[in-house]
Amino acid sequence: MRRLQVLIAALAVSIAILSSPASADPADQTVSSIIEKWSAGFNKLDADALASLYSKNALFFGSTPPLYKGKEGVAAYFNALPRWKSPTVQFTDLVVTPLGSDAINVAATASFVVSESAPPVSFRLTWVVIREDNDWKIVSHHVSPRMSALGHSRHRPSCQQRSHVVRGQIRA
């Protein structure tokens, strides 16, 4: 009986170690950290905090037609957004693909809630994240409206998406 208890305890410790954040994939950890900071910045509409997550050479296509360049362009984009009372963003359908040791390709769905009376607005999002000055920065940002099979913008996440959403956090 004692051997069984020791075996169960060892198994529990092994599972805890393997499921800890320290053992998670480094690319996933990097992207999770960026998403956490990006969400916090967006929730406060803090253009400087958001711009700090981008490369000095960033190319940024947001929800408006112009291409914004560099941190200054990213800050200009976010400073031009309406001053919503309490905006939030939710990331779902996350795909993270390392591109060697200094670049990560990211795809996701980002759903934005800008008013309690309006449904969420969902966008397909892609980022390329690179190592720059010993930190990870978004060098390419592109969003496009999420479209239904009929070609109409999809403003509400599906039931499956809603079940995987955690405000400001990633859920696969």
N, C-alpha and C. Protein backbone atom coordinates (compact mmCIF):
# COMPACT_ATOMS: atom_id res chain seq x y z
N MET A 1 0.82 -1.19 0.00
CA MET A 1 0.00 0.00 0.00
C MET A 1 0.86 1.25 0.00
N ARG A 2 1.94 1.23 0.78
CA ARG A 2 2.84 2.39 0.87
C ARG A 2 3.47 2.68 -0.48
N ARG A 3 3.86 1.63 -1.22
CA ARG A 3 4.47 1.81 -2.54
C ARG A 3 3.48 2.47 -3.49
N LEU A 4 2.22 2.11 -3.42
CA LEU A 4 1.19 2.71 -4.27
C LEU A 4 1.03 4.18 -3.96
N GLN A 5 1.05 4.55 -2.69
CA GLN A 5 0.94 5.96 -2.30
C GLN A 5 2.14 6.76 -2.82
N VAL A 6 3.33 6.20 -2.71
CA VAL A 6 4.53 6.87 -3.20
C VAL A 6 4.45 7.02 -4.73
N LEU A 7 4.00 5.99 -5.41
CA LEU A 7 3.87 6.04 -6.86
C LEU A 7 2.85 7.11 -7.29
N ILE A 8 1.72 7.17 -6.60
CA ILE A 8 0.69 8.17 -6.91
C ILE A 8 1.23 9.58 -6.64
N ALA A 9 1.95 9.76 -5.55
CA ALA A 9 2.53 11.07 -5.22
C ALA A 9 3.54 11.49 -6.28
N ALA A 10 4.39 10.54 -6.69
CA ALA A 10 5.38 10.84 -7.73
C ALA A 10 4.71 11.20 -9.05
N LEU A 11 3.65 10.49 -9.38
CA LEU A 11 2.90 10.78 -10.60
C LEU A 11 2.27 12.17 -10.53
N ALA A 12 1.70 12.52 -9.39
CA ALA A 12 1.08 13.84 -9.21
C ALA A 12 2.11 14.95 -9.35
N VAL A 13 3.28 14.78 -8.76
CA VAL A 13 4.35 15.78 -8.87
C VAL A 13 4.81 15.91 -10.31
N SER A 14 4.97 14.80 -11.01
CA SER A 14 5.38 14.82 -12.42
C SER A 14 4.37 15.56 -13.28
N ILE A 15 3.09 15.31 -13.06
CA ILE A 15 2.04 16.00 -13.83
C ILE A 15 2.07 17.49 -13.53
N ALA A 16 2.24 17.86 -12.26
CA ALA A 16 2.30 19.27 -11.88
C ALA A 16 3.48 19.98 -12.56
N ILE A 17 4.62 19.32 -12.59
CA ILE A 17 5.81 19.91 -13.21
C ILE A 17 5.60 20.06 -14.72
N LEU A 18 5.09 19.02 -15.35
CA LEU A 18 4.91 19.06 -16.80
C LEU A 18 3.83 20.05 -17.24
N SER A 19 2.86 20.33 -16.38
CA SER A 19 1.79 21.26 -16.76
C SER A 19 2.05 22.67 -16.29
N SER A 20 3.19 22.91 -15.65
CA SER A 20 3.50 24.25 -15.16
C SER A 20 3.89 25.15 -16.33
N PRO A 21 3.71 26.48 -16.17
CA PRO A 21 4.08 27.41 -17.23
C PRO A 21 5.54 27.30 -17.64
N ALA A 22 6.41 26.92 -16.71
CA ALA A 22 7.83 26.82 -17.03
C ALA A 22 8.10 25.77 -18.09
N SER A 23 7.22 24.76 -18.18
CA SER A 23 7.45 23.71 -19.16
C SER A 23 6.68 23.96 -20.46
N ALA A 24 5.89 25.03 -20.53
CA ALA A 24 5.14 25.35 -21.74
C ALA A 24 6.11 25.74 -22.85
N ASP A 25 5.66 25.61 -24.07
CA ASP A 25 6.46 25.97 -25.23
C ASP A 25 6.88 27.44 -25.13
N PRO A 26 8.15 27.77 -25.36
CA PRO A 26 8.60 29.16 -25.26
C PRO A 26 7.85 30.12 -26.19
N ALA A 27 7.51 29.69 -27.40
CA ALA A 27 6.77 30.56 -28.31
C ALA A 27 5.37 30.84 -27.76
N ASP A 28 4.72 29.82 -27.21
CA ASP A 28 3.40 30.01 -26.60
C ASP A 28 3.49 30.98 -25.42
N GLN A 29 4.53 30.82 -24.59
CA GLN A 29 4.72 31.72 -23.45
C GLN A 29 4.92 33.16 -23.93
N THR A 30 5.72 33.34 -24.95
CA THR A 30 5.99 34.67 -25.49
C THR A 30 4.71 35.31 -25.99
N VAL A 31 3.95 34.58 -26.78
CA VAL A 31 2.71 35.12 -27.34
C VAL A 31 1.69 35.37 -26.24
N SER A 32 1.60 34.48 -25.27
CA SER A 32 0.67 34.68 -24.15
C SER A 32 0.99 35.98 -23.41
N SER A 33 2.27 36.23 -23.20
CA SER A 33 2.69 37.45 -22.51
C SER A 33 2.32 38.69 -23.33
N ILE A 34 2.56 38.64 -24.63
CA ILE A 34 2.21 39.78 -25.50
C ILE A 34 0.70 40.00 -25.49
N ILE A 35 -0.07 38.93 -25.60
CA ILE A 35 -1.53 39.07 -25.61
C ILE A 35 -2.02 39.64 -24.29
N GLU A 36 -1.44 39.21 -23.19
CA GLU A 36 -1.84 39.74 -21.88
C GLU A 36 -1.58 41.25 -21.81
N LYS A 37 -0.39 41.67 -22.25
CA LYS A 37 -0.05 43.11 -22.24
C LYS A 37 -0.90 43.88 -23.25
N TRP A 38 -1.12 43.29 -24.42
CA TRP A 38 -1.91 43.95 -25.47
C TRP A 38 -3.34 44.15 -24.98
N SER A 39 -3.91 43.12 -24.37
CA SER A 39 -5.27 43.21 -23.84
C SER A 39 -5.38 44.28 -22.77
N ALA A 40 -4.42 44.32 -21.86
CA ALA A 40 -4.43 45.33 -20.79
C ALA A 40 -4.33 46.73 -21.39
N GLY A 41 -3.47 46.91 -22.38
CA GLY A 41 -3.34 48.22 -23.04
C GLY A 41 -4.61 48.62 -23.77
N PHE A 42 -5.22 47.65 -24.47
CA PHE A 42 -6.46 47.97 -25.20
C PHE A 42 -7.59 48.28 -24.23
N ASN A 43 -7.70 47.51 -23.16
CA ASN A 43 -8.78 47.73 -22.19
C ASN A 43 -8.72 49.13 -21.58
N LYS A 44 -7.52 49.73 -21.54
CA LYS A 44 -7.35 51.09 -21.02
C LYS A 44 -7.23 52.13 -22.13
N LEU A 45 -7.26 51.67 -23.39
CA LEU A 45 -7.01 52.53 -24.55
C LEU A 45 -5.71 53.31 -24.37
N ASP A 46 -4.69 52.60 -23.92
CA ASP A 46 -3.37 53.19 -23.65
C ASP A 46 -2.48 53.00 -24.89
N ALA A 47 -2.49 54.01 -25.76
CA ALA A 47 -1.76 53.94 -27.03
C ALA A 47 -0.26 53.74 -26.82
N ASP A 48 0.30 54.37 -25.80
CA ASP A 48 1.74 54.22 -25.55
C ASP A 48 2.08 52.81 -25.11
N ALA A 49 1.26 52.23 -24.24
CA ALA A 49 1.50 50.85 -23.80
C ALA A 49 1.38 49.90 -24.98
N LEU A 50 0.38 50.10 -25.83
CA LEU A 50 0.23 49.24 -27.01
C LEU A 50 1.40 49.41 -27.97
N ALA A 51 1.78 50.66 -28.25
CA ALA A 51 2.88 50.93 -29.18
C ALA A 51 4.19 50.31 -28.70
N SER A 52 4.37 50.22 -27.37
CA SER A 52 5.61 49.65 -26.83
C SER A 52 5.76 48.17 -27.16
N LEU A 53 4.68 47.52 -27.56
CA LEU A 53 4.73 46.09 -27.91
C LEU A 53 5.15 45.85 -29.35
N TYR A 54 5.31 46.93 -30.12
CA TYR A 54 5.60 46.83 -31.54
C TYR A 54 7.04 47.20 -31.85
N SER A 55 7.53 46.65 -32.94
CA SER A 55 8.88 46.92 -33.42
C SER A 55 8.98 48.35 -33.95
N LYS A 56 10.19 48.87 -33.90
CA LYS A 56 10.44 50.20 -34.50
C LYS A 56 10.18 50.16 -36.01
N ASN A 57 10.17 48.96 -36.60
CA ASN A 57 9.93 48.79 -38.05
C ASN A 57 8.56 48.18 -38.33
N ALA A 58 7.64 48.28 -37.39
CA ALA A 58 6.33 47.63 -37.52
C ALA A 58 5.56 48.14 -38.74
N LEU A 59 4.85 47.21 -39.37
CA LEU A 59 3.84 47.52 -40.39
C LEU A 59 2.51 47.11 -39.79
N PHE A 60 1.54 48.03 -39.78
CA PHE A 60 0.31 47.83 -39.01
C PHE A 60 -0.90 48.17 -39.87
N PHE A 61 -1.70 47.14 -40.22
CA PHE A 61 -3.00 47.34 -40.84
C PHE A 61 -4.04 47.04 -39.77
N GLY A 62 -4.71 48.08 -39.28
CA GLY A 62 -5.76 47.92 -38.29
C GLY A 62 -7.11 47.83 -38.96
N SER A 63 -8.13 48.32 -38.28
CA SER A 63 -9.50 48.24 -38.80
C SER A 63 -9.84 49.39 -39.74
N THR A 64 -8.89 50.27 -39.98
CA THR A 64 -9.08 51.37 -40.93
C THR A 64 -8.09 51.21 -42.08
N PRO A 65 -8.37 51.80 -43.24
CA PRO A 65 -7.56 51.54 -44.44
C PRO A 65 -6.07 51.89 -44.40
N PRO A 66 -5.62 52.96 -43.76
CA PRO A 66 -4.20 53.30 -43.91
C PRO A 66 -3.25 52.25 -43.33
N LEU A 67 -2.06 52.19 -43.90
CA LEU A 67 -0.97 51.41 -43.34
C LEU A 67 -0.22 52.32 -42.38
N TYR A 68 -0.05 51.88 -41.14
CA TYR A 68 0.71 52.65 -40.14
C TYR A 68 2.08 52.01 -40.01
N LYS A 69 3.10 52.83 -39.81
CA LYS A 69 4.47 52.33 -39.75
C LYS A 69 5.14 52.73 -38.44
N GLY A 70 5.89 51.79 -37.88
CA GLY A 70 6.66 52.04 -36.66
C GLY A 70 5.80 52.25 -35.44
N LYS A 71 6.48 52.41 -34.30
CA LYS A 71 5.78 52.62 -33.03
C LYS A 71 4.92 53.88 -33.07
N GLU A 72 5.43 54.92 -33.73
CA GLU A 72 4.68 56.18 -33.79
C GLU A 72 3.38 56.00 -34.57
N GLY A 73 3.43 55.24 -35.64
CA GLY A 73 2.22 54.96 -36.41
C GLY A 73 1.22 54.15 -35.61
N VAL A 74 1.71 53.15 -34.86
CA VAL A 74 0.82 52.33 -34.03
C VAL A 74 0.16 53.22 -32.97
N ALA A 75 0.94 54.08 -32.33
CA ALA A 75 0.37 54.99 -31.32
C ALA A 75 -0.66 55.90 -31.95
N ALA A 76 -0.39 56.41 -33.15
CA ALA A 76 -1.35 57.29 -33.85
C ALA A 76 -2.66 56.56 -34.12
N TYR A 77 -2.58 55.30 -34.53
CA TYR A 77 -3.78 54.51 -34.79
C TYR A 77 -4.62 54.40 -33.51
N PHE A 78 -4.00 53.99 -32.42
CA PHE A 78 -4.76 53.78 -31.18
C PHE A 78 -5.23 55.10 -30.57
N ASN A 79 -4.46 56.18 -30.74
CA ASN A 79 -4.91 57.48 -30.24
C ASN A 79 -6.11 58.00 -31.02
N ALA A 80 -6.28 57.55 -32.25
CA ALA A 80 -7.41 58.00 -33.09
C ALA A 80 -8.70 57.21 -32.83
N LEU A 81 -8.62 56.13 -32.08
CA LEU A 81 -9.84 55.35 -31.78
C LEU A 81 -10.77 56.16 -30.90
N PRO A 82 -12.08 55.92 -31.02
CA PRO A 82 -13.02 56.59 -30.10
C PRO A 82 -12.67 56.22 -28.65
N ARG A 83 -12.98 57.09 -27.74
CA ARG A 83 -12.70 56.86 -26.32
C ARG A 83 -13.87 56.12 -25.69
N TRP A 84 -13.97 54.82 -25.96
CA TRP A 84 -15.04 54.00 -25.40
C TRP A 84 -14.92 53.95 -23.89
N LYS A 85 -16.05 53.71 -23.23
CA LYS A 85 -16.08 53.70 -21.77
C LYS A 85 -15.29 52.55 -21.17
N SER A 86 -15.51 51.35 -21.64
CA SER A 86 -14.78 50.19 -21.07
C SER A 86 -14.63 49.10 -22.12
N PRO A 87 -13.74 49.33 -23.09
CA PRO A 87 -13.54 48.33 -24.14
C PRO A 87 -12.83 47.08 -23.61
N THR A 88 -13.12 45.95 -24.25
CA THR A 88 -12.41 44.72 -23.92
C THR A 88 -12.11 43.97 -25.21
N VAL A 89 -11.15 43.08 -25.14
CA VAL A 89 -10.81 42.23 -26.28
C VAL A 89 -10.67 40.80 -25.78
N GLN A 90 -11.05 39.87 -26.63
CA GLN A 90 -10.94 38.44 -26.33
C GLN A 90 -10.25 37.78 -27.51
N PHE A 91 -9.23 36.97 -27.25
CA PHE A 91 -8.51 36.24 -28.28
C PHE A 91 -8.94 34.77 -28.25
N THR A 92 -9.29 34.23 -29.41
CA THR A 92 -9.66 32.82 -29.53
C THR A 92 -8.98 32.25 -30.78
N ASP A 93 -9.14 30.96 -30.99
CA ASP A 93 -8.65 30.28 -32.20
C ASP A 93 -7.16 30.56 -32.44
N LEU A 94 -6.38 30.61 -31.39
CA LEU A 94 -4.97 30.99 -31.47
C LEU A 94 -4.13 29.89 -32.09
N VAL A 95 -3.28 30.28 -33.06
CA VAL A 95 -2.30 29.39 -33.66
C VAL A 95 -0.95 30.09 -33.55
N VAL A 96 0.02 29.42 -32.95
CA VAL A 96 1.36 29.97 -32.75
C VAL A 96 2.35 29.04 -33.45
N THR A 97 3.14 29.61 -34.37
CA THR A 97 4.11 28.82 -35.11
C THR A 97 5.49 29.48 -35.03
N PRO A 98 6.43 28.87 -34.31
CA PRO A 98 7.79 29.43 -34.27
C PRO A 98 8.43 29.37 -35.66
N LEU A 99 9.17 30.41 -35.99
CA LEU A 99 9.90 30.48 -37.26
C LEU A 99 11.39 30.60 -36.94
N GLY A 100 11.95 29.57 -36.38
CA GLY A 100 13.32 29.63 -35.91
C GLY A 100 13.34 30.17 -34.49
N SER A 101 14.50 30.68 -34.07
CA SER A 101 14.63 31.12 -32.68
C SER A 101 14.32 32.61 -32.48
N ASP A 102 14.12 33.36 -33.57
CA ASP A 102 13.93 34.80 -33.43
C ASP A 102 12.66 35.34 -34.07
N ALA A 103 11.73 34.46 -34.45
CA ALA A 103 10.48 34.93 -35.06
C ALA A 103 9.36 33.94 -34.76
N ILE A 104 8.15 34.48 -34.62
CA ILE A 104 6.97 33.68 -34.34
C ILE A 104 5.83 34.20 -35.20
N ASN A 105 5.14 33.28 -35.86
CA ASN A 105 3.96 33.62 -36.66
C ASN A 105 2.73 33.34 -35.81
N VAL A 106 1.76 34.28 -35.80
CA VAL A 106 0.58 34.16 -34.94
C VAL A 106 -0.67 34.42 -35.76
N ALA A 107 -1.69 33.61 -35.56
CA ALA A 107 -3.01 33.86 -36.15
C ALA A 107 -4.03 33.64 -35.03
N ALA A 108 -5.10 34.44 -35.05
CA ALA A 108 -6.13 34.33 -34.02
C ALA A 108 -7.39 35.05 -34.49
N THR A 109 -8.42 34.92 -33.69
CA THR A 109 -9.60 35.74 -33.82
C THR A 109 -9.60 36.67 -32.62
N ALA A 110 -9.78 37.97 -32.88
CA ALA A 110 -9.87 38.96 -31.80
C ALA A 110 -11.28 39.53 -31.83
N SER A 111 -11.98 39.40 -30.73
CA SER A 111 -13.34 39.92 -30.62
C SER A 111 -13.34 41.10 -29.66
N PHE A 112 -13.83 42.23 -30.14
CA PHE A 112 -13.81 43.47 -29.40
C PHE A 112 -15.22 43.83 -28.92
N VAL A 113 -15.34 44.18 -27.66
CA VAL A 113 -16.59 44.69 -27.10
C VAL A 113 -16.30 46.13 -26.70
N VAL A 114 -17.00 47.07 -27.35
CA VAL A 114 -16.74 48.48 -27.07
C VAL A 114 -17.92 49.16 -26.42
N SER A 115 -19.04 48.46 -26.33
CA SER A 115 -20.23 49.01 -25.69
C SER A 115 -21.08 47.85 -25.19
N GLU A 116 -21.68 48.05 -24.01
CA GLU A 116 -22.53 46.99 -23.45
C GLU A 116 -23.75 46.73 -24.32
N SER A 117 -24.15 47.74 -25.10
CA SER A 117 -25.36 47.60 -25.92
C SER A 117 -25.07 47.09 -27.33
N ALA A 118 -23.81 46.95 -27.69
CA ALA A 118 -23.44 46.49 -29.04
C ALA A 118 -22.85 45.08 -28.97
N PRO A 119 -23.11 44.28 -30.00
CA PRO A 119 -22.50 42.94 -30.02
C PRO A 119 -20.99 43.04 -30.27
N PRO A 120 -20.24 42.01 -29.91
CA PRO A 120 -18.80 42.01 -30.19
C PRO A 120 -18.55 42.10 -31.70
N VAL A 121 -17.44 42.73 -32.05
CA VAL A 121 -17.01 42.80 -33.43
C VAL A 121 -15.75 41.94 -33.53
N SER A 122 -15.78 40.94 -34.41
CA SER A 122 -14.67 39.99 -34.52
C SER A 122 -13.84 40.23 -35.76
N PHE A 123 -12.53 40.09 -35.58
CA PHE A 123 -11.58 40.25 -36.67
C PHE A 123 -10.65 39.04 -36.70
N ARG A 124 -10.23 38.68 -37.91
CA ARG A 124 -9.12 37.73 -38.03
C ARG A 124 -7.87 38.56 -37.84
N LEU A 125 -6.92 38.01 -37.12
CA LEU A 125 -5.71 38.75 -36.76
C LEU A 125 -4.49 37.91 -37.09
N THR A 126 -3.49 38.54 -37.70
CA THR A 126 -2.19 37.88 -37.84
C THR A 126 -1.12 38.83 -37.35
N TRP A 127 -0.14 38.27 -36.68
CA TRP A 127 1.04 39.00 -36.21
C TRP A 127 2.26 38.20 -36.62
N VAL A 128 3.34 38.91 -36.87
CA VAL A 128 4.67 38.31 -36.88
C VAL A 128 5.40 38.98 -35.74
N VAL A 129 5.94 38.16 -34.85
CA VAL A 129 6.63 38.64 -33.66
C VAL A 129 8.10 38.30 -33.83
N ILE A 130 8.97 39.28 -33.58
CA ILE A 130 10.41 39.06 -33.72
C ILE A 130 11.14 39.45 -32.43
N ARG A 131 12.34 38.91 -32.31
CA ARG A 131 13.21 39.32 -31.21
C ARG A 131 13.94 40.58 -31.66
N GLU A 132 13.78 41.65 -30.88
CA GLU A 132 14.40 42.94 -31.22
C GLU A 132 14.92 43.57 -29.93
N ASP A 133 16.18 43.90 -29.90
CA ASP A 133 16.80 44.51 -28.71
C ASP A 133 16.51 43.69 -27.45
N ASN A 134 16.72 42.38 -27.53
CA ASN A 134 16.54 41.45 -26.41
C ASN A 134 15.11 41.39 -25.86
N ASP A 135 14.14 41.72 -26.69
CA ASP A 135 12.74 41.63 -26.30
C ASP A 135 11.94 41.16 -27.51
N TRP A 136 10.73 40.70 -27.29
CA TRP A 136 9.86 40.26 -28.37
C TRP A 136 8.94 41.39 -28.76
N LYS A 137 8.87 41.71 -30.05
CA LYS A 137 8.06 42.82 -30.55
C LYS A 137 7.24 42.36 -31.76
N ILE A 138 6.07 42.95 -31.93
CA ILE A 138 5.22 42.68 -33.09
C ILE A 138 5.77 43.53 -34.24
N VAL A 139 6.17 42.88 -35.33
CA VAL A 139 6.71 43.60 -36.48
C VAL A 139 5.68 43.71 -37.60
N SER A 140 4.71 42.82 -37.61
CA SER A 140 3.65 42.86 -38.62
C SER A 140 2.32 42.57 -37.94
N HIS A 141 1.34 43.45 -38.19
CA HIS A 141 0.01 43.34 -37.59
C HIS A 141 -1.01 43.55 -38.70
N HIS A 142 -1.90 42.60 -38.86
CA HIS A 142 -2.94 42.73 -39.89
C HIS A 142 -4.24 42.18 -39.34
N VAL A 143 -5.33 42.94 -39.49
CA VAL A 143 -6.65 42.45 -39.14
C VAL A 143 -7.57 42.61 -40.34
N SER A 144 -8.54 41.71 -40.41
CA SER A 144 -9.60 41.82 -41.42
C SER A 144 -10.88 41.32 -40.77
N PRO A 145 -12.03 41.88 -41.19
CA PRO A 145 -13.30 41.47 -40.58
C PRO A 145 -13.51 39.98 -40.75
N ARG A 146 -14.04 39.37 -39.74
CA ARG A 146 -14.38 37.94 -39.82
C ARG A 146 -15.65 37.83 -40.64
N MET A 147 -15.61 37.04 -41.70
CA MET A 147 -16.74 36.94 -42.64
C MET A 147 -17.46 35.61 -42.45
N SER A 148 -18.77 35.63 -42.67
CA SER A 148 -19.54 34.39 -42.66
C SER A 148 -19.40 33.71 -44.02
N ALA A 149 -19.94 32.53 -44.14
CA ALA A 149 -19.88 31.79 -45.41
C ALA A 149 -20.59 32.56 -46.53
N LEU A 150 -21.52 33.45 -46.16
CA LEU A 150 -22.24 34.22 -47.16
C LEU A 150 -21.53 35.52 -47.52
N GLY A 151 -20.37 35.76 -46.90
CA GLY A 151 -19.61 36.96 -47.22
C GLY A 151 -19.99 38.17 -46.38
N HIS A 152 -20.78 37.98 -45.34
CA HIS A 152 -21.17 39.08 -44.47
C HIS A 152 -20.27 39.10 -43.24
N SER A 153 -20.00 40.30 -42.73
CA SER A 153 -19.21 40.38 -41.50
C SER A 153 -19.91 39.63 -40.39
N ARG A 154 -19.12 38.96 -39.64
CA ARG A 154 -19.65 38.18 -38.53
C ARG A 154 -19.35 38.95 -37.26
N HIS A 155 -20.39 39.47 -36.62
CA HIS A 155 -20.17 40.33 -35.46
C HIS A 155 -20.26 39.59 -34.14
N ARG A 156 -20.81 38.38 -34.13
CA ARG A 156 -20.93 37.64 -32.88
C ARG A 156 -20.15 36.33 -32.99
N PRO A 157 -19.38 35.99 -31.97
CA PRO A 157 -18.68 34.71 -32.01
C PRO A 157 -19.68 33.55 -32.00
N SER A 158 -19.30 32.44 -32.61
CA SER A 158 -20.16 31.26 -32.60
C SER A 158 -20.24 30.70 -31.19
N CYS A 159 -21.15 29.76 -30.98
CA CYS A 159 -21.28 29.12 -29.67
C CYS A 159 -19.95 28.49 -29.26
N GLN A 160 -19.28 27.86 -30.22
CA GLN A 160 -18.01 27.21 -29.91
C GLN A 160 -16.99 28.25 -29.48
N GLN A 161 -16.92 29.40 -30.20
CA GLN A 161 -15.98 30.44 -29.82
C GLN A 161 -16.30 30.98 -28.44
N ARG A 162 -17.59 31.25 -28.16
CA ARG A 162 -17.97 31.82 -26.87
C ARG A 162 -17.57 30.89 -25.73
N SER A 163 -17.63 29.58 -25.96
CA SER A 163 -17.29 28.66 -24.89
C SER A 163 -15.79 28.63 -24.62
N HIS A 164 -14.98 29.18 -25.51
CA HIS A 164 -13.53 29.15 -25.35
C HIS A 164 -12.96 30.52 -25.00
N VAL A 165 -13.80 31.49 -24.70
CA VAL A 165 -13.34 32.86 -24.51
C VAL A 165 -13.11 33.14 -23.03
N VAL A 166 -11.99 33.73 -22.73
CA VAL A 166 -11.70 34.25 -21.41
C VAL A 166 -11.21 35.68 -21.65
N ARG A 167 -11.85 36.66 -21.04
CA ARG A 167 -11.51 38.05 -21.29
C ARG A 167 -10.02 38.30 -21.11
N GLY A 168 -9.41 38.80 -22.20
CA GLY A 168 -8.01 39.16 -22.15
C GLY A 168 -7.05 38.00 -22.04
N GLN A 169 -7.53 36.77 -22.22
CA GLN A 169 -6.65 35.62 -22.12
C GLN A 169 -6.87 34.69 -23.30
N ILE A 170 -5.96 33.79 -23.50
CA ILE A 170 -6.03 32.85 -24.61
C ILE A 170 -6.68 31.57 -24.14
N ARG A 171 -7.56 31.05 -24.94
CA ARG A 171 -8.10 29.72 -24.72
C ARG A 171 -8.16 29.04 -26.08
N ALA A 172 -7.63 27.86 -26.19
CA ALA A 172 -7.66 27.15 -27.46
C ALA A 172 -8.97 26.45 -27.66
